[in-house]
Amino acid sequence: GFFDEVGLDVTIVPGGTAQDNLGQLSGGSADISIISWDTAVTATAEGLPIQVISGNGVISTEVDTSAVIVREDSGIASLADLAGKTIAFNSIGSGGNVPVLQALRDAGVNPDDVTQVALPYASMQTSLEAGQIDAIFPSDSFYAQAAAVDGFVEIAHPSREYRGGLGITLWAATGPWLEANADTATRFNQAMAQAIEFYQDPANVDAVYQVRSEVSGQPLDQVQGPLVEF
């Protein structure tokens, strides 16, 4: 009801990787979308008329909401063991995999010696279980689900270690759309501020998990892990 309260009639459509969401903005199929810091910087450097209107998720300095996960029987005990291996990310070149590459380099592994593949979060668990890849880097509710799997083990938490306290996602729009819809963008931010206040209230955690389950399509008992900070 937060959008209704500020007088906005909003249609929520499925997103994708930060690059996919940027494409929806540029192509006009979405007016406002979540993108990553890395995508925003790259887009503006390339001259795309993308403007950030507010922040969204923040990487916690204390609670992990992502991890590099491997099979317990893989023989991989640390990032140093990933040389010559394959690791799956939701997208390549986005905010998610950059800190992993930093961590690999600090562990003595040349990132070029690791094969990176793009794989939707929803497919990571089954692909790792089947041995199709050697490691995965799930986030948010998909991290909570994978972390609870018997036979999986977390070997590193690069996001918290390298980017703790930094913004991870942003709300953005194109410059031309904002020029014509400044009031709409303002009211959107007002609605999101109310949503964040609701989200951060411990009394509402069950409702937050319910929404998380509905949006991700995962069972309720598998999404009740750490919550991203906003």
Protein backbone atom coordinates (compact mmCIF):
# COMPACT_ATOMS: atom_id res chain seq x y z
CA GLY A 1 0.00 0.00 0.00
CA PHE A 2 2.97 2.36 0.14
CA PHE A 3 2.69 3.39 -3.51
CA ASP A 4 -1.06 3.98 -3.12
CA GLU A 5 -0.39 6.25 -0.14
CA VAL A 6 1.76 8.58 -2.25
CA GLY A 7 -0.65 8.48 -5.19
CA LEU A 8 1.29 6.25 -7.58
CA ASP A 9 -0.15 3.50 -9.76
CA VAL A 10 2.87 1.22 -10.14
CA THR A 11 3.33 -1.89 -12.25
CA ILE A 12 6.11 -4.14 -10.93
CA VAL A 13 7.79 -6.21 -13.65
CA PRO A 14 10.48 -8.91 -13.35
CA GLY A 15 14.02 -7.65 -13.43
CA GLY A 16 17.28 -9.45 -14.01
CA THR A 17 20.96 -8.70 -13.75
CA ALA A 18 22.04 -5.10 -13.29
CA GLN A 19 22.93 -4.96 -16.99
CA ASP A 20 19.50 -6.32 -17.95
CA ASN A 21 17.79 -3.73 -15.76
CA LEU A 22 19.90 -0.99 -17.33
CA GLY A 23 18.73 -2.21 -20.73
CA GLN A 24 15.10 -1.92 -19.62
CA LEU A 25 15.71 1.69 -18.57
CA SER A 26 17.53 2.58 -21.76
CA GLY A 27 14.92 0.87 -23.91
CA GLY A 28 12.01 2.51 -22.14
CA SER A 29 10.35 -0.71 -20.96
CA ALA A 30 10.89 0.41 -17.34
CA ASP A 31 10.84 3.91 -15.86
CA ILE A 32 12.70 3.19 -12.60
CA SER A 33 14.88 0.17 -11.87
CA ILE A 34 17.44 -1.24 -9.49
CA ILE A 35 21.01 -1.25 -10.82
CA SER A 36 24.40 -1.75 -9.21
CA TRP A 37 27.02 0.87 -8.46
CA ASP A 38 29.37 -0.73 -10.97
CA THR A 39 26.73 -0.66 -13.70
CA ALA A 40 25.86 2.96 -12.93
CA VAL A 41 29.50 4.06 -13.14
CA THR A 42 30.08 2.14 -16.37
CA ALA A 43 26.88 3.47 -17.95
CA THR A 44 27.63 7.12 -17.19
CA ALA A 45 31.24 6.71 -18.32
CA GLU A 46 29.91 5.48 -21.65
CA GLY A 47 27.63 8.50 -21.94
CA LEU A 48 24.31 6.81 -21.20
CA PRO A 49 21.82 9.26 -19.61
CA ILE A 50 21.41 7.30 -16.37
CA GLN A 51 20.80 9.14 -13.10
CA VAL A 52 20.63 7.64 -9.61
CA ILE A 53 17.62 8.83 -7.60
CA SER A 54 18.23 6.98 -4.30
CA GLY A 55 20.14 4.21 -2.59
CA ASN A 56 18.74 0.77 -1.85
CA GLY A 57 20.69 -2.17 -0.41
CA VAL A 58 23.79 -1.77 1.77
CA ILE A 59 26.40 -4.46 2.37
CA SER A 60 26.50 -5.31 6.07
CA THR A 61 29.76 -5.15 7.97
CA GLU A 62 28.57 -7.85 10.36
CA VAL A 63 26.01 -10.15 8.72
CA ASP A 64 26.74 -12.15 5.57
CA THR A 65 24.11 -12.22 2.85
CA SER A 66 26.35 -13.81 0.21
CA ALA A 67 29.24 -16.27 0.08
CA VAL A 68 31.43 -18.40 -2.13
CA ILE A 69 29.99 -21.89 -1.63
CA VAL A 70 31.41 -25.26 -2.72
CA ARG A 71 30.55 -28.90 -2.20
CA GLU A 72 32.04 -30.34 0.96
CA ASP A 73 33.48 -33.27 -0.98
CA SER A 74 35.04 -31.08 -3.69
CA GLY A 75 38.48 -30.85 -2.12
CA ILE A 76 38.17 -27.05 -2.29
CA ALA A 77 38.91 -25.61 1.13
CA SER A 78 39.77 -22.01 0.31
CA LEU A 79 39.83 -19.46 -2.49
CA ALA A 80 43.38 -20.54 -3.29
CA ASP A 81 41.99 -23.89 -4.40
CA LEU A 82 39.79 -22.30 -7.07
CA ALA A 83 42.60 -21.91 -9.62
CA GLY A 84 41.51 -23.78 -12.73
CA LYS A 85 37.95 -24.14 -11.39
CA THR A 86 34.58 -22.75 -12.47
CA ILE A 87 32.52 -20.35 -10.36
CA ALA A 88 28.99 -19.17 -11.12
CA PHE A 89 27.77 -15.60 -10.64
CA ASN A 90 24.35 -14.13 -11.27
CA SER A 91 26.04 -11.79 -13.74
CA ILE A 92 29.57 -11.13 -14.91
CA GLY A 93 31.14 -7.71 -14.36
CA SER A 94 28.56 -6.53 -11.85
CA GLY A 95 28.95 -5.50 -8.23
CA GLY A 96 28.60 -9.09 -7.09
CA ASN A 97 31.62 -10.66 -8.67
CA VAL A 98 34.11 -7.79 -8.40
CA PRO A 99 34.90 -8.36 -4.68
CA VAL A 100 35.27 -12.09 -5.38
CA LEU A 101 37.93 -11.29 -7.99
CA GLN A 102 39.64 -9.02 -5.45
CA ALA A 103 39.60 -11.82 -2.89
CA LEU A 104 40.96 -14.34 -5.41
CA ARG A 105 43.86 -12.06 -6.26
CA ASP A 106 44.66 -11.56 -2.57
CA ALA A 107 44.57 -15.35 -2.15
CA GLY A 108 47.25 -15.69 -4.82
CA VAL A 109 44.92 -16.71 -7.64
CA ASN A 110 44.99 -14.87 -10.96
CA PRO A 111 41.31 -14.17 -11.76
CA ASP A 112 42.06 -15.16 -15.36
CA ASP A 113 42.77 -18.67 -14.10
CA VAL A 114 39.20 -19.03 -12.84
CA THR A 115 36.34 -19.64 -15.28
CA GLN A 116 33.41 -17.33 -14.57
CA VAL A 117 29.96 -18.31 -15.81
CA ALA A 118 26.66 -16.43 -15.59
CA LEU A 119 23.93 -18.46 -13.94
CA PRO A 120 20.60 -17.34 -12.43
CA TYR A 121 20.50 -17.56 -8.66
CA ALA A 122 17.64 -20.06 -8.87
CA SER A 123 19.81 -22.52 -10.84
CA MET A 124 22.97 -22.34 -8.73
CA GLN A 125 22.14 -24.95 -6.11
CA THR A 126 21.18 -27.71 -8.53
CA SER A 127 24.17 -26.97 -10.79
CA LEU A 128 26.56 -27.24 -7.85
CA GLU A 129 24.91 -30.40 -6.59
CA ALA A 130 25.24 -31.95 -10.05
CA GLY A 131 28.92 -31.05 -10.28
CA GLN A 132 28.41 -28.88 -13.35
CA ILE A 133 30.34 -26.08 -11.65
CA ASP A 134 32.84 -26.01 -8.80
CA ALA A 135 31.61 -22.99 -6.82
CA ILE A 136 28.70 -20.57 -6.65
CA PHE A 137 28.22 -17.05 -5.34
CA PRO A 138 24.55 -16.76 -4.29
CA SER A 139 23.06 -13.73 -2.58
CA ASP A 140 20.16 -12.77 -0.33
CA SER A 141 17.46 -15.45 0.00
CA PHE A 142 19.28 -17.76 -2.43
CA TYR A 143 22.33 -17.55 -0.19
CA ALA A 144 20.22 -18.49 2.82
CA GLN A 145 18.85 -21.49 0.95
CA ALA A 146 22.23 -22.72 -0.30
CA ALA A 147 23.93 -22.16 3.06
CA ALA A 148 21.45 -24.57 4.66
CA VAL A 149 22.14 -27.43 2.23
CA ASP A 150 23.85 -30.47 3.74
CA GLY A 151 27.07 -31.09 1.88
CA PHE A 152 27.67 -27.42 1.00
CA VAL A 153 30.31 -25.31 2.73
CA GLU A 154 31.08 -21.58 2.67
CA ILE A 155 34.74 -20.78 2.01
CA ALA A 156 34.73 -16.96 1.75
CA HIS A 157 32.57 -13.87 2.20
CA PRO A 158 34.15 -11.29 -0.12
CA SER A 159 31.25 -8.84 -0.18
CA ARG A 160 31.38 -8.19 3.57
CA GLU A 161 35.18 -8.34 3.69
CA TYR A 162 35.81 -5.98 0.77
CA ARG A 163 32.68 -3.83 0.56
CA GLY A 164 31.14 -3.84 4.01
CA GLY A 165 29.27 -0.60 4.66
CA LEU A 166 29.01 0.36 1.00
CA GLY A 167 25.89 0.65 -1.09
CA ILE A 168 25.25 -2.40 -3.24
CA THR A 169 22.18 -1.38 -5.25
CA LEU A 170 20.63 1.87 -6.41
CA TRP A 171 17.35 3.09 -7.84
CA ALA A 172 17.91 4.80 -11.17
CA ALA A 173 16.10 6.31 -14.16
CA THR A 174 17.08 8.06 -17.35
CA GLY A 175 17.69 11.80 -17.44
CA PRO A 176 14.95 12.50 -20.01
CA TRP A 177 12.37 10.55 -18.00
CA LEU A 178 13.31 12.40 -14.81
CA GLU A 179 13.00 15.77 -16.52
CA ALA A 180 9.41 14.91 -17.42
CA ASN A 181 8.52 13.05 -14.21
CA ALA A 182 10.40 14.69 -11.33
CA ASP A 183 7.35 14.60 -9.05
CA THR A 184 6.80 10.91 -9.74
CA ALA A 185 10.41 10.13 -8.80
CA THR A 186 10.05 12.12 -5.58
CA ARG A 187 6.90 10.25 -4.61
CA PHE A 188 8.54 6.93 -5.50
CA ASN A 189 11.35 7.71 -3.05
CA GLN A 190 8.80 8.64 -0.39
CA ALA A 191 7.08 5.27 -0.81
CA MET A 192 10.39 3.39 -0.67
CA ALA A 193 11.36 5.25 2.51
CA GLN A 194 8.12 4.01 4.12
CA ALA A 195 8.81 0.50 2.87
CA ILE A 196 12.30 0.52 4.36
CA GLU A 197 10.94 1.73 7.70
CA PHE A 198 8.48 -1.18 7.66
CA TYR A 199 11.22 -3.62 6.64
CA GLN A 200 13.56 -2.55 9.43
CA ASP A 201 10.95 -2.95 12.20
CA PRO A 202 11.63 -6.29 13.96
CA ALA A 203 7.87 -6.64 14.54
CA ASN A 204 7.39 -7.06 10.78
CA VAL A 205 10.03 -9.72 10.10
CA ASP A 206 7.45 -12.47 9.43
CA ALA A 207 5.72 -10.27 6.86
CA VAL A 208 9.08 -9.51 5.23
CA TYR A 209 9.87 -13.22 4.93
CA GLN A 210 6.43 -13.82 3.44
CA VAL A 211 7.06 -11.23 0.73
CA ARG A 212 10.54 -12.64 0.18
CA SER A 213 9.03 -16.08 -0.39
CA GLU A 214 6.40 -14.77 -2.80
CA VAL A 215 8.87 -12.75 -4.86
CA SER A 216 11.60 -15.39 -5.07
CA GLY A 217 9.26 -18.36 -5.50
CA GLN A 218 11.06 -20.20 -2.70
CA PRO A 219 9.39 -22.00 0.22
CA LEU A 220 8.90 -19.84 3.28
CA ASP A 221 11.11 -22.03 5.48
CA GLN A 222 14.01 -21.61 3.05
CA VAL A 223 14.10 -17.80 2.96
CA GLN A 224 14.29 -17.08 6.68
CA GLY A 225 17.96 -16.22 6.68
CA PRO A 226 19.87 -12.95 7.13
CA LEU A 227 18.20 -9.89 5.66
CA VAL A 228 19.99 -7.37 3.47
CA GLU A 229 20.38 -3.94 5.04
CA PHE A 230 18.59 -1.01 3.38
